[in-house]
N, C-alpha and C. Protein backbone atom coordinates (compact mmCIF):
# COMPACT_ATOMS: atom_id res chain seq x y z
N MET A 1 19.69 0.20 -3.15
CA MET A 1 18.29 0.28 -2.58
C MET A 1 17.94 1.66 -2.39
N ASN A 2 16.96 2.14 -2.81
CA ASN A 2 16.24 3.43 -2.80
C ASN A 2 15.69 3.80 -1.33
N ARG A 3 16.17 4.49 -0.49
CA ARG A 3 15.58 4.67 0.74
C ARG A 3 14.59 5.88 0.87
N ASN A 4 14.41 6.58 -0.19
CA ASN A 4 13.51 7.61 -0.25
C ASN A 4 12.45 7.45 -1.42
N PRO A 5 11.95 6.49 -1.78
CA PRO A 5 11.22 6.30 -2.97
C PRO A 5 9.93 7.22 -2.87
N LYS A 6 9.31 7.58 -4.20
CA LYS A 6 8.02 7.97 -4.18
C LYS A 6 7.10 6.88 -3.99
N CYS A 7 6.08 7.17 -3.28
CA CYS A 7 5.11 6.02 -2.80
C CYS A 7 4.37 5.68 -4.10
N THR A 8 4.32 6.49 -5.22
CA THR A 8 3.70 6.04 -6.38
C THR A 8 4.45 5.01 -7.19
N ASP A 9 5.65 4.76 -6.70
CA ASP A 9 6.68 3.87 -7.34
C ASP A 9 6.25 2.54 -6.76
N LEU A 10 5.45 2.33 -5.80
CA LEU A 10 5.00 1.04 -5.10
C LEU A 10 4.34 0.02 -6.04
N HIS A 11 3.97 0.38 -7.10
CA HIS A 11 3.27 -0.45 -8.08
C HIS A 11 4.44 -1.73 -8.55
N GLN A 12 5.64 -1.45 -8.54
CA GLN A 12 6.59 -2.39 -8.89
C GLN A 12 6.40 -3.61 -7.82
N SER A 13 6.51 -4.70 -8.35
CA SER A 13 6.41 -5.94 -7.40
C SER A 13 7.72 -6.66 -7.13
N CYS A 14 7.68 -7.67 -6.16
CA CYS A 14 8.88 -8.37 -5.83
C CYS A 14 8.28 -9.69 -5.44
N GLN A 15 9.06 -10.67 -5.37
CA GLN A 15 8.70 -12.01 -4.67
C GLN A 15 9.56 -12.42 -3.60
N HIS A 16 9.13 -12.76 -2.56
CA HIS A 16 9.62 -13.28 -1.41
C HIS A 16 10.04 -14.74 -1.34
N GLY A 17 11.14 -15.29 -1.73
CA GLY A 17 11.49 -16.58 -1.85
C GLY A 17 11.95 -17.36 -0.26
N ALA A 18 11.53 -18.30 0.00
CA ALA A 18 12.06 -18.97 1.21
C ALA A 18 12.10 -20.37 1.30
N SER A 19 12.92 -21.08 1.94
CA SER A 19 12.90 -22.37 2.08
C SER A 19 12.85 -22.91 3.65
N GLU A 20 11.96 -23.81 3.98
CA GLU A 20 11.74 -24.18 5.40
C GLU A 20 13.10 -24.86 5.88
N SER A 21 13.25 -24.78 7.20
CA SER A 21 14.25 -25.47 7.81
C SER A 21 13.69 -26.47 8.76
N SER A 22 14.36 -27.36 9.26
CA SER A 22 13.63 -28.42 9.85
C SER A 22 13.33 -27.88 11.39
N GLY A 23 13.93 -26.81 11.91
CA GLY A 23 13.45 -26.32 13.30
C GLY A 23 12.55 -25.30 12.96
N SER A 24 11.86 -24.85 14.12
CA SER A 24 10.80 -23.82 14.07
C SER A 24 11.26 -22.52 14.48
N THR A 25 12.81 -22.39 14.65
CA THR A 25 13.16 -21.22 15.21
C THR A 25 13.71 -20.11 14.15
N ALA A 26 14.17 -20.74 13.08
CA ALA A 26 14.57 -19.71 12.05
C ALA A 26 14.38 -20.39 10.63
N VAL A 27 13.83 -19.69 9.68
CA VAL A 27 13.91 -20.20 8.29
C VAL A 27 14.55 -19.12 7.36
N THR A 28 15.58 -19.43 6.58
CA THR A 28 16.16 -18.68 5.82
C THR A 28 15.99 -19.00 4.29
N GLY A 29 16.18 -18.08 3.39
CA GLY A 29 15.88 -18.48 2.02
C GLY A 29 16.64 -17.60 1.07
N ALA A 30 16.96 -18.22 0.02
CA ALA A 30 17.78 -17.61 -1.18
C ALA A 30 16.96 -16.31 -1.65
N GLU A 31 17.80 -15.44 -1.94
CA GLU A 31 17.21 -14.19 -2.61
C GLU A 31 16.66 -14.35 -4.03
N ARG A 32 15.28 -14.22 -3.93
CA ARG A 32 14.64 -14.48 -5.34
C ARG A 32 13.82 -13.39 -5.71
N ARG A 33 14.03 -12.32 -5.32
CA ARG A 33 13.18 -11.07 -5.65
C ARG A 33 13.61 -10.76 -6.95
N THR A 34 12.65 -10.40 -7.89
CA THR A 34 12.73 -10.16 -9.32
C THR A 34 12.62 -8.74 -9.53
N PHE A 35 11.93 -7.97 -8.55
CA PHE A 35 11.59 -6.52 -8.76
C PHE A 35 12.11 -5.78 -7.64
N ARG A 36 11.90 -4.61 -7.54
CA ARG A 36 12.18 -3.69 -6.40
C ARG A 36 11.56 -3.77 -5.05
N ARG A 37 12.36 -3.79 -4.10
CA ARG A 37 11.68 -3.63 -2.80
C ARG A 37 12.15 -2.24 -2.24
N PHE A 38 11.25 -1.66 -1.35
CA PHE A 38 11.65 -0.38 -0.76
C PHE A 38 11.80 -0.55 0.75
N GLU A 39 12.75 0.04 1.32
CA GLU A 39 12.95 0.29 2.64
C GLU A 39 12.00 1.45 3.08
N LEU A 40 10.74 1.02 3.70
CA LEU A 40 9.80 2.05 3.78
C LEU A 40 9.06 1.36 5.23
N SER A 41 9.14 2.45 6.17
CA SER A 41 8.65 2.07 7.52
C SER A 41 7.15 2.61 7.64
N PHE A 42 6.16 1.78 7.47
CA PHE A 42 4.83 2.24 7.62
C PHE A 42 4.31 1.51 9.00
N PRO A 43 3.56 2.26 9.70
CA PRO A 43 2.93 1.71 10.93
C PRO A 43 1.96 0.54 10.45
N ALA A 44 1.96 -0.56 11.25
CA ALA A 44 1.07 -1.79 10.85
C ALA A 44 0.64 -2.39 12.05
N ARG A 45 -0.61 -2.76 11.99
CA ARG A 45 -1.16 -3.83 13.02
C ARG A 45 -1.44 -5.07 12.40
N VAL A 46 -0.68 -6.28 12.90
CA VAL A 46 -0.72 -7.53 12.44
C VAL A 46 -1.52 -8.35 13.34
N ARG A 47 -2.07 -9.21 12.72
CA ARG A 47 -2.81 -10.38 13.49
C ARG A 47 -2.82 -11.83 12.67
N ASP A 48 -2.70 -12.75 13.54
CA ASP A 48 -2.75 -14.16 13.00
C ASP A 48 -4.33 -14.44 12.59
N ARG A 49 -4.68 -14.92 11.46
CA ARG A 49 -5.88 -15.02 11.01
C ARG A 49 -6.73 -16.05 11.60
N SER A 50 -5.79 -17.01 12.37
CA SER A 50 -6.44 -18.14 12.93
C SER A 50 -7.06 -17.69 14.46
N GLY A 51 -6.61 -16.57 14.83
CA GLY A 51 -6.94 -16.06 16.22
C GLY A 51 -6.09 -16.55 17.23
N ALA A 52 -4.94 -17.36 16.94
CA ALA A 52 -4.07 -17.78 17.91
C ALA A 52 -3.34 -16.93 18.63
N LEU A 53 -3.04 -15.74 17.96
CA LEU A 53 -2.08 -14.65 18.36
C LEU A 53 -2.83 -13.35 18.56
N ALA A 54 -2.60 -12.69 19.56
CA ALA A 54 -3.28 -11.33 19.64
C ALA A 54 -2.74 -10.33 18.53
N GLN A 55 -3.51 -9.44 18.21
CA GLN A 55 -3.12 -8.32 17.32
C GLN A 55 -1.78 -7.68 17.84
N THR A 56 -1.01 -7.25 17.19
CA THR A 56 0.27 -6.37 17.57
C THR A 56 0.57 -5.15 16.67
N GLU A 57 1.00 -4.19 17.36
CA GLU A 57 1.45 -2.98 16.68
C GLU A 57 2.93 -2.98 16.18
N THR A 58 3.18 -2.64 15.16
CA THR A 58 4.67 -2.85 14.65
C THR A 58 4.66 -1.76 13.35
N SER A 59 5.86 -1.93 12.76
CA SER A 59 6.14 -1.05 11.51
C SER A 59 6.84 -1.96 10.62
N THR A 60 6.57 -1.75 9.13
CA THR A 60 7.21 -2.46 8.15
C THR A 60 8.83 -1.93 8.25
N ARG A 61 9.67 -2.85 7.82
CA ARG A 61 11.06 -2.58 7.52
C ARG A 61 11.19 -2.34 6.15
N ASP A 62 10.61 -3.02 5.36
CA ASP A 62 10.59 -2.97 3.74
C ASP A 62 9.21 -3.56 3.25
N ILE A 63 8.94 -3.27 1.91
CA ILE A 63 7.66 -3.53 1.49
C ILE A 63 7.70 -3.41 0.02
N CYS A 64 7.03 -4.29 -0.65
CA CYS A 64 6.87 -4.38 -2.12
C CYS A 64 5.49 -4.80 -2.38
N ALA A 65 5.05 -4.85 -3.62
CA ALA A 65 4.01 -5.38 -4.08
C ALA A 65 3.25 -6.62 -3.81
N ARG A 66 4.25 -7.49 -3.46
CA ARG A 66 3.95 -8.91 -3.22
C ARG A 66 4.41 -9.37 -1.83
N GLY A 67 5.10 -8.52 -0.89
CA GLY A 67 5.41 -8.91 0.33
C GLY A 67 5.92 -7.88 1.14
N LEU A 68 6.22 -8.20 2.45
CA LEU A 68 6.63 -7.01 3.58
C LEU A 68 7.41 -7.93 4.55
N TYR A 69 8.10 -6.91 5.22
CA TYR A 69 8.84 -7.58 6.37
C TYR A 69 8.68 -6.63 7.45
N PHE A 70 8.56 -7.06 8.71
CA PHE A 70 8.26 -6.55 9.88
C PHE A 70 8.91 -7.23 11.05
N THR A 71 9.00 -6.80 12.31
CA THR A 71 9.34 -7.59 13.50
C THR A 71 8.26 -7.46 14.61
N VAL A 72 8.17 -8.61 15.32
CA VAL A 72 7.33 -8.58 16.38
C VAL A 72 7.81 -9.45 17.51
N ALA A 73 7.22 -9.60 18.65
CA ALA A 73 7.72 -10.33 19.81
C ALA A 73 6.91 -11.67 19.96
N GLN A 74 6.00 -11.85 18.84
CA GLN A 74 5.17 -13.19 18.99
C GLN A 74 5.88 -14.14 18.32
N GLU A 75 5.49 -15.44 18.52
CA GLU A 75 5.83 -16.58 17.82
C GLU A 75 5.00 -17.07 16.66
N TYR A 76 5.34 -16.52 15.41
CA TYR A 76 4.55 -16.95 14.38
C TYR A 76 5.23 -18.18 13.80
N GLU A 77 4.39 -18.81 13.02
CA GLU A 77 5.03 -20.05 12.29
C GLU A 77 5.00 -19.84 10.79
N VAL A 78 5.93 -20.46 10.03
CA VAL A 78 5.99 -20.51 8.64
C VAL A 78 4.71 -20.92 8.20
N GLY A 79 4.06 -20.38 7.31
CA GLY A 79 2.70 -20.80 6.77
C GLY A 79 1.52 -20.20 7.46
N SER A 80 1.68 -19.58 8.50
CA SER A 80 0.71 -19.06 9.21
C SER A 80 0.00 -17.90 8.54
N LYS A 81 -1.26 -17.83 8.29
CA LYS A 81 -2.00 -16.79 7.61
C LYS A 81 -2.09 -15.56 8.41
N ILE A 82 -1.82 -14.46 7.87
CA ILE A 82 -1.86 -13.29 8.63
C ILE A 82 -2.75 -12.17 7.94
N GLU A 83 -3.01 -11.17 8.76
CA GLU A 83 -3.75 -10.02 8.24
C GLU A 83 -3.08 -8.80 8.80
N CYS A 84 -2.64 -7.77 7.79
CA CYS A 84 -1.83 -6.65 8.28
C CYS A 84 -2.56 -5.43 7.70
N ILE A 85 -2.77 -4.47 8.79
CA ILE A 85 -3.52 -3.06 8.17
C ILE A 85 -2.27 -2.13 8.33
N LEU A 86 -1.99 -1.59 7.18
CA LEU A 86 -0.91 -0.71 6.86
C LEU A 86 -1.43 0.73 6.89
N THR A 87 -0.84 1.73 7.57
CA THR A 87 -1.16 3.11 7.41
C THR A 87 -0.22 3.81 6.50
N LEU A 88 -0.72 4.35 5.38
CA LEU A 88 0.19 5.02 4.46
C LEU A 88 -0.23 6.59 4.82
N PRO A 89 0.98 7.18 4.95
CA PRO A 89 0.94 8.57 5.29
C PRO A 89 0.43 9.48 4.20
N PRO A 90 0.15 10.81 4.66
CA PRO A 90 -0.46 11.67 3.73
C PRO A 90 0.45 11.94 2.58
N GLU A 91 1.70 12.09 2.91
CA GLU A 91 2.71 12.46 1.79
C GLU A 91 2.85 11.46 0.77
N CYS A 92 2.36 10.25 1.04
CA CYS A 92 2.29 9.17 -0.13
C CYS A 92 1.05 9.06 -0.80
N CYS A 93 -0.02 9.79 -0.29
CA CYS A 93 -1.39 9.58 -0.79
C CYS A 93 -2.08 10.98 -0.89
N GLN A 94 -1.66 11.89 -1.59
CA GLN A 94 -2.29 12.98 -2.18
C GLN A 94 -2.74 13.75 -0.88
N GLY A 95 -2.24 13.70 0.28
CA GLY A 95 -2.53 14.60 1.31
C GLY A 95 -3.53 13.73 2.32
N HIS A 96 -3.84 12.58 2.17
CA HIS A 96 -4.78 11.81 2.86
C HIS A 96 -4.03 10.56 3.57
N THR A 97 -4.45 10.27 4.86
CA THR A 97 -4.01 8.97 5.35
C THR A 97 -4.88 7.83 4.75
N VAL A 98 -4.06 6.93 4.39
CA VAL A 98 -4.81 5.70 3.80
C VAL A 98 -4.45 4.40 4.48
N LEU A 99 -5.58 3.56 4.74
CA LEU A 99 -5.32 2.32 5.37
C LEU A 99 -5.41 1.15 4.15
N VAL A 100 -4.52 0.27 4.29
CA VAL A 100 -4.47 -0.92 3.35
C VAL A 100 -4.65 -2.26 4.27
N ARG A 101 -5.53 -3.10 3.91
CA ARG A 101 -5.66 -4.26 4.62
C ARG A 101 -5.06 -5.27 3.63
N CYS A 102 -3.95 -5.96 4.05
CA CYS A 102 -3.27 -7.01 3.38
C CYS A 102 -3.48 -8.46 3.99
N ARG A 103 -3.61 -9.38 3.25
CA ARG A 103 -3.72 -10.69 3.78
C ARG A 103 -2.64 -11.50 3.03
N GLY A 104 -2.05 -12.25 3.76
CA GLY A 104 -1.04 -13.08 3.28
C GLY A 104 -0.48 -14.26 4.22
N LYS A 105 0.72 -14.66 3.95
CA LYS A 105 1.25 -15.78 4.71
C LYS A 105 2.45 -15.48 5.21
N VAL A 106 2.97 -16.14 6.34
CA VAL A 106 4.47 -16.03 6.69
C VAL A 106 5.34 -17.07 5.85
N VAL A 107 6.27 -16.40 5.25
CA VAL A 107 7.27 -17.37 4.63
C VAL A 107 8.77 -17.37 5.16
N ARG A 108 9.11 -16.48 6.13
CA ARG A 108 10.38 -16.40 6.65
C ARG A 108 10.28 -15.93 7.98
N LEU A 109 11.12 -16.48 8.87
CA LEU A 109 11.22 -16.06 10.14
C LEU A 109 12.88 -15.92 10.52
N GLU A 110 13.05 -14.77 11.18
CA GLU A 110 14.46 -14.55 11.59
C GLU A 110 14.61 -14.20 13.07
N ARG A 111 15.40 -14.94 14.00
CA ARG A 111 15.63 -14.44 15.22
C ARG A 111 16.43 -12.96 15.09
N GLN A 112 15.92 -12.17 16.01
CA GLN A 112 16.57 -10.72 16.08
C GLN A 112 16.99 -10.59 17.44
N ALA A 113 17.00 -9.34 17.85
CA ALA A 113 17.16 -9.13 19.28
C ALA A 113 16.49 -10.06 20.22
N PRO A 114 16.87 -10.35 21.51
CA PRO A 114 16.14 -11.01 22.34
C PRO A 114 14.77 -10.52 22.34
N GLY A 115 13.92 -11.52 22.06
CA GLY A 115 12.39 -11.25 22.19
C GLY A 115 11.75 -10.77 21.02
N ARG A 116 12.68 -10.53 19.79
CA ARG A 116 12.14 -9.96 18.69
C ARG A 116 12.33 -11.03 17.43
N ILE A 117 11.28 -11.12 16.52
CA ILE A 117 11.41 -12.04 15.56
C ILE A 117 11.01 -11.35 14.27
N GLY A 118 12.03 -11.30 13.25
CA GLY A 118 11.67 -10.63 11.84
C GLY A 118 10.75 -11.69 11.10
N VAL A 119 9.86 -11.13 10.45
CA VAL A 119 8.80 -11.83 9.73
C VAL A 119 8.75 -11.42 8.31
N GLY A 120 9.03 -12.32 7.28
CA GLY A 120 8.79 -12.04 5.87
C GLY A 120 7.45 -12.70 5.46
N ALA A 121 6.68 -12.03 4.83
CA ALA A 121 5.27 -12.40 4.59
C ALA A 121 4.95 -12.06 3.01
N THR A 122 4.19 -13.01 2.42
CA THR A 122 3.88 -12.62 1.21
C THR A 122 2.50 -11.71 1.44
N ILE A 123 2.12 -10.97 0.26
CA ILE A 123 0.83 -10.33 0.18
C ILE A 123 -0.07 -10.82 -0.91
N GLU A 124 -1.00 -11.71 -0.46
CA GLU A 124 -1.73 -12.46 -1.39
C GLU A 124 -2.93 -11.62 -1.89
N SER A 125 -3.59 -10.80 -1.04
CA SER A 125 -4.55 -9.90 -1.38
C SER A 125 -4.54 -8.47 -0.54
N TYR A 126 -5.22 -7.51 -0.98
CA TYR A 126 -5.28 -6.18 -0.38
C TYR A 126 -6.50 -5.47 -0.70
N GLU A 127 -6.94 -4.66 0.10
CA GLU A 127 -8.09 -3.78 -0.07
C GLU A 127 -7.85 -2.49 0.68
N PHE A 128 -8.37 -1.32 0.11
CA PHE A 128 -8.18 -0.01 0.69
C PHE A 128 -9.41 -0.01 1.62
N LEU A 129 -9.05 0.55 2.78
CA LEU A 129 -10.18 0.91 4.00
C LEU A 129 -10.32 2.40 4.19
N ASN A 130 -11.46 2.73 4.57
CA ASN A 130 -11.97 4.14 4.94
C ASN A 130 -10.99 4.50 6.12
N ALA A 131 -10.08 5.54 6.17
CA ALA A 131 -9.28 5.98 7.24
C ALA A 131 -10.09 6.61 8.19
N GLY A 132 -11.36 7.34 7.89
CA GLY A 132 -11.80 8.05 8.85
C GLY A 132 -13.06 7.63 9.21
C-alpha cells in the first residue's frame, strides 16, 4: 500500500464490502476492494444526517473514490446516512485548501480502543465547497 501517494492519484476507486452481524457492536466484512485505497489522514467533520448524533471532528485513516475509514467516539449504526466534510491540504490541491462534502452510509463498524469505534463508510456523492 502506498503511504505517500500523489493526491492526483485519488481518481482511482475502490469498493468497501461488508456483511452485517447479528449484534450492533461490530460488523466485519470480506475484503472486496477492486481498486487502490490510500492511507491518507485528512481532517474531517462527520455528522449523522438524521441529526441523531452531534457533529464530530476526526481524521481519515484511509480513503478512496468510493469510501473512507475514520474513528469516532459516537455510536453509529450500520446503514446510518452520514455527511463528512474533508479538508484537503494545499500540497494536494495546487496550493489551495479544498473542502469536499461527501455523503454516504456506514457499512462497517469496528471496536477500537475503549471509547473509539472505527467506521467504514461508502461515498455515494460528493461536492467541492468554497474553503474561504
